C-alpha atoms as a PDB file:
ATOM      1  CA  MET A   1      17.098  31.926  35.287  1.00  0.00           C
ATOM      2  CA  ARG A   2      18.810  28.531  36.418  1.00  0.00           C
ATOM      3  CA  ALA A   3      15.247  27.058  36.744  1.00  0.00           C
ATOM      4  CA  THR A   4      13.873  27.702  33.094  1.00  0.00           C
ATOM      5  CA  LEU A   5      17.489  26.307  31.930  1.00  0.00           C
ATOM      6  CA  VAL A   6      16.935  22.773  33.732  1.00  0.00           C
ATOM      7  CA  ALA A   7      13.378  22.614  32.736  1.00  0.00           C
ATOM      8  CA  LEU A   8      14.744  23.506  29.206  1.00  0.00           C
ATOM      9  CA  LEU A   9      16.886  20.656  29.372  1.00  0.00           C
ATOM     10  CA  CYS A  10      14.272  18.132  31.003  1.00  0.00           C
ATOM     11  CA  LEU A  11      12.595  18.846  27.243  1.00  0.00           C
ATOM     12  CA  GLY A  12      15.190  18.082  25.360  1.00  0.00           C
ATOM     13  CA  SER A  13      15.906  14.957  27.605  1.00  0.00           C
ATOM     14  CA  VAL A  14      12.486  13.973  26.923  1.00  0.00           C
ATOM     15  CA  ALA A  15      12.450  14.936  23.122  1.00  0.00           C
ATOM     16  CA  ALA A  16      15.646  12.968  22.946  1.00  0.00           C
ATOM     17  CA  ALA A  17      13.595   9.631  24.428  1.00  0.00           C
ATOM     18  CA  GLU A  18      10.931   9.903  21.575  1.00  0.00           C
ATOM     19  CA  PRO A  19      10.785   6.532  19.949  1.00  0.00           C
ATOM     20  CA  ARG A  20      11.449   5.746  16.774  1.00  0.00           C
ATOM     21  CA  THR A  21       8.563   4.646  14.429  1.00  0.00           C
ATOM     22  CA  LEU A  22      10.113   2.794  10.918  1.00  0.00           C
ATOM     23  CA  ARG A  23       7.033   2.495   8.371  1.00  0.00           C
ATOM     24  CA  MET A  24       6.994  -0.491   6.613  1.00  0.00           C
ATOM     25  CA  ALA A  25       4.686  -1.653   3.749  1.00  0.00           C
ATOM     26  CA  ALA A  26       3.702  -4.959   2.451  1.00  0.00           C
ATOM     27  CA  ILE A  27       0.864  -6.631   0.660  1.00  0.00           C
ATOM     28  CA  ALA A  28       0.324  -9.430   2.938  1.00  0.00           C
ATOM     29  CA  PRO A  29      -3.125  -9.478   3.536  1.00  0.00           C
ATOM     30  CA  GLU A  30      -4.232  -9.109   7.236  1.00  0.00           C
ATOM     31  CA  GLY A  31      -5.030 -11.979   9.462  1.00  0.00           C
ATOM     32  CA  THR A  32      -2.510 -14.136   7.313  1.00  0.00           C
ATOM     33  CA  SER A  33       0.476 -16.001   8.882  1.00  0.00           C
ATOM     34  CA  TRP A  34       2.562 -13.602   6.979  1.00  0.00           C
ATOM     35  CA  ALA A  35       0.732 -10.533   8.735  1.00  0.00           C
ATOM     36  CA  ARG A  36       1.133 -12.191  12.024  1.00  0.00           C
ATOM     37  CA  GLU A  37       4.809 -12.755  11.785  1.00  0.00           C
ATOM     38  CA  LEU A  38       5.393  -9.426  10.335  1.00  0.00           C
ATOM     39  CA  LYS A  39       3.654  -7.719  13.921  1.00  0.00           C
ATOM     40  CA  ALA A  40       5.924 -10.434  15.783  1.00  0.00           C
ATOM     41  CA  LEU A  41       8.992  -8.623  14.097  1.00  0.00           C
ATOM     42  CA  ALA A  42       7.730  -5.290  15.568  1.00  0.00           C
ATOM     43  CA  ARG A  43       7.194  -6.284  18.844  1.00  0.00           C
ATOM     44  CA  ASP A  44      10.366  -8.281  18.790  1.00  0.00           C
ATOM     45  CA  VAL A  45      11.922  -4.951  18.030  1.00  0.00           C
ATOM     46  CA  GLU A  46      10.265  -3.075  20.329  1.00  0.00           C
ATOM     47  CA  THR A  47      11.205  -5.240  23.152  1.00  0.00           C
ATOM     48  CA  ALA A  48      14.717  -5.515  21.972  1.00  0.00           C
ATOM     49  CA  THR A  49      15.247  -1.700  22.091  1.00  0.00           C
ATOM     50  CA  HIS A  50      13.133  -1.170  25.138  1.00  0.00           C
ATOM     51  CA  GLY A  51      10.447   0.989  23.146  1.00  0.00           C
ATOM     52  CA  ASP A  52      13.682   2.943  21.462  1.00  0.00           C
ATOM     53  CA  LEU A  53      12.360   1.872  18.110  1.00  0.00           C
ATOM     54  CA  LYS A  54       9.237   0.643  16.793  1.00  0.00           C
ATOM     55  CA  MET A  55       7.370  -1.043  13.595  1.00  0.00           C
ATOM     56  CA  LYS A  56       4.447   0.015  12.088  1.00  0.00           C
ATOM     57  CA  TRP A  57       3.173  -2.059   9.484  1.00  0.00           C
ATOM     58  CA  TYR A  58       1.012  -1.113   6.397  1.00  0.00           C
ATOM     59  CA  LEU A  59      -0.461  -4.051   5.213  1.00  0.00           C
ATOM     60  CA  GLY A  60      -2.463  -5.731   2.554  1.00  0.00           C
ATOM     61  CA  GLY A  61      -1.174  -2.994  -0.187  1.00  0.00           C
ATOM     62  CA  ILE A  62      -2.795  -0.001   1.339  1.00  0.00           C
ATOM     63  CA  ALA A  63       0.653   1.361   0.187  1.00  0.00           C
ATOM     64  CA  GLY A  64      -0.013   0.645  -3.224  1.00  0.00           C
ATOM     65  CA  ASP A  65       1.482  -2.139  -4.908  1.00  0.00           C
ATOM     66  CA  GLU A  66       5.105  -3.715  -4.323  1.00  0.00           C
ATOM     67  CA  LEU A  67       6.969  -0.854  -6.581  1.00  0.00           C
ATOM     68  CA  ALA A  68       4.477   1.726  -5.374  1.00  0.00           C
ATOM     69  CA  ALA A  69       5.772   1.156  -1.775  1.00  0.00           C
ATOM     70  CA  VAL A  70       9.703   1.368  -2.908  1.00  0.00           C
ATOM     71  CA  GLY A  71       8.841   4.818  -4.456  1.00  0.00           C
ATOM     72  CA  ARG A  72       7.073   5.718  -1.771  1.00  0.00           C
ATOM     73  CA  ILE A  73      10.482   4.847   0.251  1.00  0.00           C
ATOM     74  CA  ARG A  74      12.676   7.059  -2.034  1.00  0.00           C
ATOM     75  CA  LYS A  75      10.529   9.773  -1.349  1.00  0.00           C
ATOM     76  CA  GLY A  76      10.606   9.467   2.463  1.00  0.00           C
ATOM     77  CA  GLN A  77       6.519   8.316   2.534  1.00  0.00           C
ATOM     78  CA  LEU A  78       7.627   5.159   4.303  1.00  0.00           C
ATOM     79  CA  ASP A  79      11.170   3.771   5.434  1.00  0.00           C
ATOM     80  CA  GLY A  80      10.748  -0.350   4.509  1.00  0.00           C
ATOM     81  CA  ALA A  81       8.634  -3.160   3.097  1.00  0.00           C
ATOM     82  CA  ALA A  82       8.944  -6.562   2.640  1.00  0.00           C
ATOM     83  CA  GLY A  83       8.085  -8.940  -0.352  1.00  0.00           C
ATOM     84  CA  ALA A  84       8.947 -10.967  -3.269  1.00  0.00           C
ATOM     85  CA  ILE A  85       8.777  -9.164  -6.634  1.00  0.00           C
ATOM     86  CA  PHE A  86      10.186  -5.692  -5.489  1.00  0.00           C
ATOM     87  CA  CYS A  87      13.345  -7.327  -4.681  1.00  0.00           C
ATOM     88  CA  GLN A  88      14.753  -8.084  -7.650  1.00  0.00           C
ATOM     89  CA  SER A  89      14.114  -4.322  -8.936  1.00  0.00           C
ATOM     90  CA  LEU A  90      16.409  -3.180  -6.061  1.00  0.00           C
ATOM     91  CA  ALA A  91      19.258  -6.786  -6.117  1.00  0.00           C
ATOM     92  CA  SER A  92      19.315  -7.610  -9.620  1.00  0.00           C
ATOM     93  CA  SER A  93      20.694 -10.699  -8.992  1.00  0.00           C
ATOM     94  CA  MET A  94      17.654 -11.790  -7.516  1.00  0.00           C
ATOM     95  CA  ARG A  95      16.178 -12.235 -10.858  1.00  0.00           C
ATOM     96  CA  VAL A  96      17.743 -15.785 -11.466  1.00  0.00           C
ATOM     97  CA  MET A  97      16.386 -16.683  -8.461  1.00  0.00           C
ATOM     98  CA  ARG A  98      13.035 -16.719 -10.111  1.00  0.00           C
ATOM     99  CA  LEU A  99      13.936 -18.337 -13.302  1.00  0.00           C
ATOM    100  CA  PRO A 100      11.003 -20.980 -13.458  1.00  0.00           C
ATOM    101  CA  GLY A 101      12.511 -24.694 -14.538  1.00  0.00           C
ATOM    102  CA  LEU A 102      16.118 -23.620 -13.080  1.00  0.00           C
ATOM    103  CA  PHE A 103      15.805 -25.062  -9.431  1.00  0.00           C
ATOM    104  CA  HIS A 104      14.138 -28.399  -8.579  1.00  0.00           C
ATOM    105  CA  THR A 105      14.008 -28.138  -4.917  1.00  0.00           C
ATOM    106  CA  THR A 106      13.792 -25.592  -1.935  1.00  0.00           C
ATOM    107  CA  ALA A 107      16.964 -26.957  -0.232  1.00  0.00           C
ATOM    108  CA  GLU A 108      19.251 -26.348  -4.092  1.00  0.00           C
ATOM    109  CA  ALA A 109      17.162 -22.688  -4.069  1.00  0.00           C
ATOM    110  CA  LEU A 110      17.908 -21.352  -0.576  1.00  0.00           C
ATOM    111  CA  TYR A 111      21.179 -22.580  -1.097  1.00  0.00           C
ATOM    112  CA  ILE A 112      21.886 -20.837  -3.931  1.00  0.00           C
ATOM    113  CA  MET A 113      20.491 -17.235  -2.609  1.00  0.00           C
ATOM    114  CA  GLY A 114      23.173 -17.850   0.068  1.00  0.00           C
ATOM    115  CA  ARG A 115      26.378 -18.251  -2.048  1.00  0.00           C
ATOM    116  CA  LEU A 116      24.619 -15.024  -3.650  1.00  0.00           C
ATOM    117  CA  LYS A 117      24.104 -13.299  -0.511  1.00  0.00           C
ATOM    118  CA  GLY A 118      26.613 -10.712  -0.171  1.00  0.00           C
ATOM    119  CA  ASP A 119      26.171  -9.595  -4.107  1.00  0.00           C
ATOM    120  CA  LEU A 120      22.698  -9.274  -2.670  1.00  0.00           C
ATOM    121  CA  ASP A 121      23.720  -7.110   0.365  1.00  0.00           C
ATOM    122  CA  GLU A 122      25.756  -5.081  -2.348  1.00  0.00           C
ATOM    123  CA  GLU A 123      23.284  -4.242  -4.767  1.00  0.00           C
ATOM    124  CA  PHE A 124      20.612  -3.194  -2.479  1.00  0.00           C
ATOM    125  CA  ARG A 125      23.031  -1.194  -0.710  1.00  0.00           C
ATOM    126  CA  ARG A 126      23.858   0.507  -4.265  1.00  0.00           C
ATOM    127  CA  SER A 127      20.225   0.978  -4.759  1.00  0.00           C
ATOM    128  CA  GLY A 128      19.561   2.799  -1.031  1.00  0.00           C
ATOM    129  CA  PHE A 129      18.753  -0.095   1.038  1.00  0.00           C
ATOM    130  CA  ALA A 130      19.905  -1.751   3.516  1.00  0.00           C
ATOM    131  CA  ASN A 131      18.992  -5.897   2.963  1.00  0.00           C
ATOM    132  CA  LEU A 132      17.688  -7.346   6.428  1.00  0.00           C
ATOM    133  CA  GLY A 133      17.537 -10.162   5.117  1.00  0.00           C
ATOM    134  CA  GLU A 134      15.955 -13.031   1.956  1.00  0.00           C
ATOM    135  CA  ALA A 135      13.317 -15.691   2.516  1.00  0.00           C
ATOM    136  CA  GLY A 136      12.035 -18.021  -0.093  1.00  0.00           C
ATOM    137  CA  PHE A 137       8.346 -18.445  -0.507  1.00  0.00           C
ATOM    138  CA  GLY A 138       8.404 -21.500  -1.884  1.00  0.00           C
ATOM    139  CA  PHE A 139       7.358 -22.835  -5.304  1.00  0.00           C
ATOM    140  CA  ASP A 140       4.591 -21.957  -7.493  1.00  0.00           C
ATOM    141  CA  ILE A 141       2.021 -24.615  -7.910  1.00  0.00           C
ATOM    142  CA  ILE A 142      -1.038 -24.655 -11.063  1.00  0.00           C
ATOM    143  CA  LEU A 143      -4.591 -23.936  -9.749  1.00  0.00           C
ATOM    144  CA  SER A 144      -6.832 -24.534 -12.854  1.00  0.00           C
ATOM    145  CA  ARG A 145     -10.516 -25.071 -13.806  1.00  0.00           C
ATOM    146  CA  GLU A 146     -10.126 -28.120 -15.481  1.00  0.00           C
ATOM    147  CA  PRO A 147      -6.682 -30.410 -14.965  1.00  0.00           C
ATOM    148  CA  VAL A 148      -3.709 -29.982 -16.165  1.00  0.00           C
ATOM    149  CA  HIS A 149      -1.966 -33.676 -17.255  1.00  0.00           C
ATOM    150  CA  THR A 150       0.662 -32.184 -20.051  1.00  0.00           C
ATOM    151  CA  LEU A 151       2.573 -29.139 -21.637  1.00  0.00           C
ATOM    152  CA  ALA A 152       0.134 -28.868 -24.586  1.00  0.00           C
ATOM    153  CA  ASP A 153      -2.672 -28.171 -21.196  1.00  0.00           C
ATOM    154  CA  LEU A 154      -0.801 -25.072 -20.323  1.00  0.00           C
ATOM    155  CA  ARG A 155      -0.266 -23.863 -23.801  1.00  0.00           C
ATOM    156  CA  ARG A 156      -3.795 -24.299 -24.560  1.00  0.00           C
ATOM    157  CA  GLY A 157      -5.426 -22.515 -21.253  1.00  0.00           C
ATOM    158  CA  ARG A 158      -4.027 -18.850 -19.593  1.00  0.00           C
ATOM    159  CA  PHE A 159      -3.169 -18.463 -16.627  1.00  0.00           C
ATOM    160  CA  TRP A 160      -2.363 -15.969 -14.105  1.00  0.00           C
ATOM    161  CA  VAL A 161       0.886 -14.626 -13.875  1.00  0.00           C
ATOM    162  CA  TRP A 162       1.875 -11.236 -11.426  1.00  0.00           C
ATOM    163  CA  SER A 163       1.804  -8.482 -13.655  1.00  0.00           C
ATOM    164  CA  LEU A 164       4.785  -7.173 -11.922  1.00  0.00           C
ATOM    165  CA  ASP A 165       6.737 -10.542 -11.835  1.00  0.00           C
ATOM    166  CA  GLU A 166       8.990  -9.867 -15.278  1.00  0.00           C
ATOM    167  CA  VAL A 167      11.248 -12.749 -15.580  1.00  0.00           C
ATOM    168  CA  MET A 168       7.767 -15.394 -15.005  1.00  0.00           C
ATOM    169  CA  LYS A 169       6.279 -13.238 -17.527  1.00  0.00           C
ATOM    170  CA  ALA A 170       9.045 -13.325 -20.038  1.00  0.00           C
ATOM    171  CA  THR A 171       9.719 -16.625 -19.751  1.00  0.00           C
ATOM    172  CA  MET A 172       6.441 -18.707 -20.351  1.00  0.00           C
ATOM    173  CA  ILE A 173       5.490 -16.169 -23.422  1.00  0.00           C
ATOM    174  CA  ALA A 174       9.475 -17.699 -24.543  1.00  0.00           C
ATOM    175  CA  ALA A 175       8.053 -21.230 -23.507  1.00  0.00           C
ATOM    176  CA  GLY A 176       4.880 -21.042 -25.670  1.00  0.00           C
ATOM    177  CA  LEU A 177       2.406 -20.176 -22.726  1.00  0.00           C
ATOM    178  CA  LYS A 178      -0.236 -17.463 -22.998  1.00  0.00           C
ATOM    179  CA  PRO A 179       0.295 -16.083 -19.384  1.00  0.00           C
ATOM    180  CA  TYR A 180      -3.178 -13.663 -18.543  1.00  0.00           C
ATOM    181  CA  ILE A 181      -0.932 -10.545 -16.679  1.00  0.00           C
ATOM    182  CA  GLY A 182      -2.493  -8.518 -13.779  1.00  0.00           C
ATOM    183  CA  PRO A 183      -2.281  -7.470 -10.776  1.00  0.00           C
ATOM    184  CA  VAL A 184      -2.778  -9.799  -7.706  1.00  0.00           C
ATOM    185  CA  GLU A 185      -5.779  -7.912  -6.139  1.00  0.00           C
ATOM    186  CA  GLU A 186      -7.414  -8.624  -9.487  1.00  0.00           C
ATOM    187  CA  ALA A 187      -6.568 -12.558 -10.034  1.00  0.00           C
ATOM    188  CA  GLY A 188      -9.687 -13.979  -7.758  1.00  0.00           C
ATOM    189  CA  ARG A 189     -12.206 -11.637  -9.433  1.00  0.00           C
ATOM    190  CA  ALA A 190     -10.383 -12.235 -13.337  1.00  0.00           C
ATOM    191  CA  TYR A 191     -10.707 -16.444 -12.488  1.00  0.00           C
ATOM    192  CA  GLU A 192     -14.814 -16.513 -10.979  1.00  0.00           C
ATOM    193  CA  ARG A 193     -15.245 -14.358 -14.364  1.00  0.00           C
ATOM    194  CA  GLU A 194     -13.713 -16.851 -16.224  1.00  0.00           C
ATOM    195  CA  HIS A 195     -10.970 -14.148 -17.999  1.00  0.00           C
ATOM    196  CA  LEU A 196      -8.501 -16.902 -16.885  1.00  0.00           C
ATOM    197  CA  ASP A 197      -8.146 -20.923 -16.498  1.00  0.00           C
ATOM    198  CA  GLY A 198      -5.972 -20.928 -13.891  1.00  0.00           C
ATOM    199  CA  LEU A 199      -2.730 -19.328 -11.607  1.00  0.00           C
ATOM    200  CA  PHE A 200       0.605 -19.532 -11.084  1.00  0.00           C
ATOM    201  CA  ALA A 201       1.040 -19.741  -7.622  1.00  0.00           C
ATOM    202  CA  GLU A 202       2.708 -20.567  -4.415  1.00  0.00           C
ATOM    203  CA  PRO A 203       0.338 -22.400  -2.169  1.00  0.00           C
ATOM    204  CA  ALA A 204       0.827 -20.462   1.033  1.00  0.00           C
ATOM    205  CA  ALA A 205      -0.261 -17.288  -1.325  1.00  0.00           C
ATOM    206  CA  ALA A 206      -3.223 -19.363  -3.061  1.00  0.00           C
ATOM    207  CA  LEU A 207      -4.651 -19.262   0.965  1.00  0.00           C
ATOM    208  CA  ALA A 208      -3.735 -16.308   1.513  1.00  0.00           C
ATOM    209  CA  TYR A 209      -5.642 -14.459  -1.597  1.00  0.00           C
ATOM    210  CA  GLN A 210      -8.492 -17.833  -1.184  1.00  0.00           C
ATOM    211  CA  TRP A 211      -7.533 -18.584  -4.557  1.00  0.00           C
ATOM    212  CA  SER A 212      -7.761 -21.747  -3.503  1.00  0.00           C
ATOM    213  CA  THR A 213     -11.506 -21.829  -2.799  1.00  0.00           C
ATOM    214  CA  GLU A 214     -12.147 -21.240  -6.274  1.00  0.00           C
ATOM    215  CA  ALA A 215     -10.162 -23.813  -7.939  1.00  0.00           C
ATOM    216  CA  ARG A 216     -11.313 -27.539  -8.708  1.00  0.00           C
ATOM    217  CA  TYR A 217      -7.760 -28.772  -9.158  1.00  0.00           C
ATOM    218  CA  PHE A 218      -4.056 -28.155  -8.199  1.00  0.00           C
ATOM    219  CA  THR A 219      -1.725 -29.324 -10.111  1.00  0.00           C
ATOM    220  CA  VAL A 220       2.202 -30.171  -8.243  1.00  0.00           C
ATOM    221  CA  LEU A 221       4.652 -28.845 -10.651  1.00  0.00           C
ATOM    222  CA  PRO A 222       7.365 -27.024  -9.599  1.00  0.00           C
ATOM    223  CA  THR A 223       7.312 -24.077 -11.935  1.00  0.00           C
ATOM    224  CA  ALA A 224       9.387 -21.533 -10.504  1.00  0.00           C
ATOM    225  CA  PHE A 225      10.924 -20.539  -7.172  1.00  0.00           C
ATOM    226  CA  LEU A 226       9.489 -17.078  -5.538  1.00  0.00           C
ATOM    227  CA  PRO A 227      11.916 -15.367  -3.024  1.00  0.00           C
ATOM    228  CA  GLY A 228      11.393 -12.418  -1.160  1.00  0.00           C
ATOM    229  CA  CYS A 229      13.198  -9.616   1.043  1.00  0.00           C
ATOM    230  CA  LEU A 230      12.969  -6.997   4.273  1.00  0.00           C
ATOM    231  CA  VAL A 231      14.861  -3.997   3.652  1.00  0.00           C
ATOM    232  CA  VAL A 232      14.812  -0.490   5.266  1.00  0.00           C
ATOM    233  CA  SER A 233      16.347   2.890   3.091  1.00  0.00           C
ATOM    234  CA  ASN A 234      19.854   3.305   3.752  1.00  0.00           C
ATOM    235  CA  THR A 235      18.671   6.433   5.098  1.00  0.00           C
ATOM    236  CA  THR A 236      16.777   5.746   7.749  1.00  0.00           C
ATOM    237  CA  PHE A 237      18.971   2.738   8.889  1.00  0.00           C
ATOM    238  CA  ASP A 238      22.491   4.982   8.896  1.00  0.00           C
ATOM    239  CA  ALA A 239      20.165   7.205  10.946  1.00  0.00           C
ATOM    240  CA  LEU A 240      19.149   4.673  13.781  1.00  0.00           C
ATOM    241  CA  PRO A 241      22.046   4.468  16.648  1.00  0.00           C
ATOM    242  CA  LEU A 242      24.100   1.034  16.566  1.00  0.00           C
ATOM    243  CA  THR A 243      22.555  -0.598  19.315  1.00  0.00           C
ATOM    244  CA  GLU A 244      19.549   0.023  17.026  1.00  0.00           C
ATOM    245  CA  GLN A 245      21.226  -1.400  14.071  1.00  0.00           C
ATOM    246  CA  GLN A 246      22.095  -4.229  15.890  1.00  0.00           C
ATOM    247  CA  ALA A 247      19.005  -5.114  17.494  1.00  0.00           C
ATOM    248  CA  LEU A 248      17.001  -4.536  13.819  1.00  0.00           C
ATOM    249  CA  ARG A 249      18.931  -7.254  12.209  1.00  0.00           C
ATOM    250  CA  SER A 250      19.368  -9.784  15.189  1.00  0.00           C
ATOM    251  CA  ALA A 251      15.361  -9.348  15.406  1.00  0.00           C
ATOM    252  CA  SER A 252      15.081  -9.808  11.201  1.00  0.00           C
ATOM    253  CA  ALA A 253      17.423 -13.100  11.464  1.00  0.00           C
ATOM    254  CA  LYS A 254      14.989 -14.244  14.118  1.00  0.00           C
ATOM    255  CA  PHE A 255      11.632 -13.148  11.646  1.00  0.00           C
ATOM    256  CA  PHE A 256      13.638 -15.396   8.867  1.00  0.00           C
ATOM    257  CA  LEU A 257      13.688 -18.426  11.117  1.00  0.00           C
ATOM    258  CA  ARG A 258       9.930 -18.287  12.105  1.00  0.00           C
ATOM    259  CA  PHE A 259       9.064 -17.355   8.434  1.00  0.00           C
ATOM    260  CA  ASP A 260      10.649 -20.224   6.956  1.00  0.00           C
ATOM    261  CA  ASP A 261       9.050 -22.049   9.723  1.00  0.00           C
ATOM    262  CA  VAL A 262       5.793 -21.615   9.530  1.00  0.00           C
ATOM    263  CA  ASN A 263       5.929 -21.564   5.100  1.00  0.00           C
ATOM    264  CA  ARG A 264       7.175 -24.883   4.991  1.00  0.00           C
ATOM    265  CA  ALA A 265       4.575 -25.904   7.725  1.00  0.00           C
ATOM    266  CA  THR A 266       1.919 -24.269   5.698  1.00  0.00           C
ATOM    267  CA  GLU A 267       3.010 -25.877   2.134  1.00  0.00           C
ATOM    268  CA  GLU A 268       3.012 -29.344   3.719  1.00  0.00           C
ATOM    269  CA  ALA A 269      -0.622 -28.970   5.126  1.00  0.00           C
ATOM    270  CA  LEU A 270      -1.875 -27.983   1.965  1.00  0.00           C
ATOM    271  CA  LEU A 271      -0.364 -30.187  -0.246  1.00  0.00           C
ATOM    272  CA  GLY A 272      -0.410 -32.840   2.310  1.00  0.00           C
ATOM    273  CA  GLY A 273      -4.296 -32.808   2.286  1.00  0.00           C
ATOM    274  CA  LEU A 274      -5.740 -29.267   3.169  1.00  0.00           C
ATOM    275  CA  PHE A 275      -6.218 -28.193  -0.310  1.00  0.00           C
ATOM    276  CA  GLU A 276      -8.133 -31.319  -0.905  1.00  0.00           C
ATOM    277  CA  LYS A 277     -10.450 -31.202   2.111  1.00  0.00           C
ATOM    278  CA  GLN A 278     -11.177 -27.601   0.355  1.00  0.00           C
ATOM    279  CA  GLY A 279     -12.603 -29.190  -2.341  1.00  0.00           C
ATOM    280  CA  LEU A 280      -9.643 -29.513  -5.044  1.00  0.00           C
ATOM    281  CA  LYS A 281      -8.588 -32.202  -6.744  1.00  0.00           C
ATOM    282  CA  ARG A 282      -5.094 -33.144  -6.522  1.00  0.00           C
ATOM    283  CA  VAL A 283      -2.891 -33.598  -9.981  1.00  0.00           C
ATOM    284  CA  ASP A 284       0.628 -34.836  -9.144  1.00  0.00           C
ATOM    285  CA  ALA A 285       2.870 -34.085 -12.516  1.00  0.00           C
ATOM    286  CA  SER A 286       3.611 -36.925 -14.410  1.00  0.00           C
ATOM    287  CA  PRO A 287       7.254 -37.266 -15.193  1.00  0.00           C
ATOM    288  CA  LYS A 288       6.700 -36.301 -18.832  1.00  0.00           C
ATOM    289  CA  LEU A 289       4.677 -33.171 -18.290  1.00  0.00           C
ATOM    290  CA  LEU A 290       8.020 -32.318 -15.703  1.00  0.00           C
ATOM    291  CA  GLN A 291      10.206 -33.125 -18.608  1.00  0.00           C
ATOM    292  CA  ASP A 292       8.607 -31.219 -21.536  1.00  0.00           C
ATOM    293  CA  TYR A 293       8.345 -28.101 -18.602  1.00  0.00           C
ATOM    294  CA  LEU A 294      11.864 -28.480 -17.676  1.00  0.00           C
ATOM    295  CA  ASP A 295      12.940 -28.741 -21.460  1.00  0.00           C
ATOM    296  CA  ALA A 296      10.627 -25.460 -22.549  1.00  0.00           C
ATOM    297  CA  THR A 297      11.789 -23.233 -19.841  1.00  0.00           C
ATOM    298  CA  ALA A 298      15.398 -24.062 -20.430  1.00  0.00           C
ATOM    299  CA  SER A 299      14.547 -23.434 -24.018  1.00  0.00           C
ATOM    300  CA  ALA A 300      13.138 -20.066 -23.288  1.00  0.00           C
ATOM    301  CA  ARG A 301      16.441 -18.925 -21.105  1.00  0.00           C
ATOM    302  CA  THR A 302      18.553 -19.736 -24.068  1.00  0.00           C
ATOM    303  CA  ARG A 303      16.874 -17.793 -26.482  1.00  0.00           C
ATOM    304  CA  LEU A 304      16.236 -14.942 -23.842  1.00  0.00           C
ATOM    305  CA  GLY A 305      19.735 -14.788 -22.471  1.00  0.00           C
ATOM    306  CA  ASP A 306      20.783 -11.507 -20.834  1.00  0.00           C
ATOM    307  CA  GLU A 307      17.204 -10.350 -21.076  1.00  0.00           C
ATOM    308  CA  LEU A 308      16.268 -12.874 -17.862  1.00  0.00           C
ATOM    309  CA  ALA A 309      19.614 -12.488 -16.168  1.00  0.00           C
ATOM    310  CA  PRO A 310      23.458 -11.980 -17.272  1.00  0.00           C
ATOM    311  CA  ARG A 311      24.813 -15.268 -18.746  1.00  0.00           C
ATOM    312  CA  ALA A 312      27.447 -14.949 -16.369  1.00  0.00           C
ATOM    313  CA  LEU A 313      25.405 -14.965 -13.368  1.00  0.00           C
ATOM    314  CA  LEU A 314      23.207 -18.007 -14.935  1.00  0.00           C
ATOM    315  CA  GLU A 315      26.830 -20.007 -15.865  1.00  0.00           C
ATOM    316  CA  LYS A 316      27.934 -19.339 -12.239  1.00  0.00           C
ATOM    317  CA  VAL A 317      25.022 -20.686 -10.916  1.00  0.00           C
ATOM    318  CA  ASP A 318      24.253 -23.680 -13.296  1.00  0.00           C
ATOM    319  CA  ARG A 319      28.434 -24.957 -11.764  1.00  0.00           C
ATOM    320  CA  TRP A 320      26.829 -24.156  -7.917  1.00  0.00           C
ATOM    321  CA  LEU A 321      23.590 -26.255  -9.070  1.00  0.00           C
ATOM    322  CA  SER A 322      25.827 -29.133 -10.929  1.00  0.00           C
ATOM    323  CA  ASP A 323      28.332 -29.442  -7.364  1.00  0.00           C
ATOM    324  CA  TYR A 324      25.337 -29.463  -5.158  1.00  0.00           C
ATOM    325  CA  ARG A 325      23.109 -31.988  -6.934  1.00  0.00           C
ATOM    326  CA  GLN A 326      26.682 -34.188  -7.041  1.00  0.00           C
ATOM    327  CA  VAL A 327      26.892 -34.000  -3.348  1.00  0.00           C
ATOM    328  CA  HIS A 328      23.235 -34.455  -2.231  1.00  0.00           C
ATOM    329  CA  ALA A 329      22.339 -37.146  -5.297  1.00  0.00           C
ATOM    330  CA  GLU A 330      19.997 -34.607  -6.679  1.00  0.00           C
ATOM    331  CA  ARG A 331      19.616 -35.120 -10.716  1.00  0.00           C
ATOM    332  CA  VAL A 332      17.843 -32.827 -13.272  1.00  0.00           C
ATOM    333  CA  PRO A 333      15.137 -35.084 -14.472  1.00  0.00           C
ATOM    334  CA  ARG A 334      15.343 -37.317 -17.360  1.00  0.00           C
END
């Protein structure tokens, strides 16, 4: 009897020692810098917890698009996700970060996101998720078949906008553009078949999805900033031992530092000559194109009102931006 009891206790200890695995989703394609950093995060988590906590990433959208992945998390089929647009569905204040024309530099966008950190964490929590951090993918530029020199060029053509990107879609339409709206996985094929004239895309995304190999021109116009996030469901996070929660947050913080460095280096390389080595021709936005774009998007924000972001939030962000630009000698183009 005693031997049986000891054996049962040993079995219980083995069962308790079984590692926990977080099932995570992202649409980042395999082989990209994004995928490599997510896998590095998984290694850091496993190392920090001595193998007690692991991450398994389902990459390339095999768990569905970003909103589908969130649905799978709510059903208990996944534990968390990393990405961009879905963040706004969980923390609505994140929508202000995507407003076209609102931010002029990555530095000021990251500053505002930092100011919103407390609000974002609480909104994620109320939506059922623990926020492990936010990041910026950078500004979209314009990839096109013909050069874009004027706002009229933009309004004449059909430029792809991600079908999940509600803020970008609404603003572009209100600004007088006729966006081609579709999922990420169909953008390249639509361009090849000449269903559209170009794409709004962050430089690293253009490389990751190979859109830059199809386009002929790229126009450096900071159209809209794309924020991102990394989350785990509250149910999963709260069930972890405190030491594993701390290890997960610590590894995530290191991940975001690396992500920012890698993304910034990739963007600088692409805009600094790599796109041109691929055969694209660079078009620098003229002061008039920039000002016309800012005027059109500002007018669109006014007309759309609370449809994009609560007016009180936008007014607060405008005040923060004004203060930031005064300190850093940054001005709205005139």
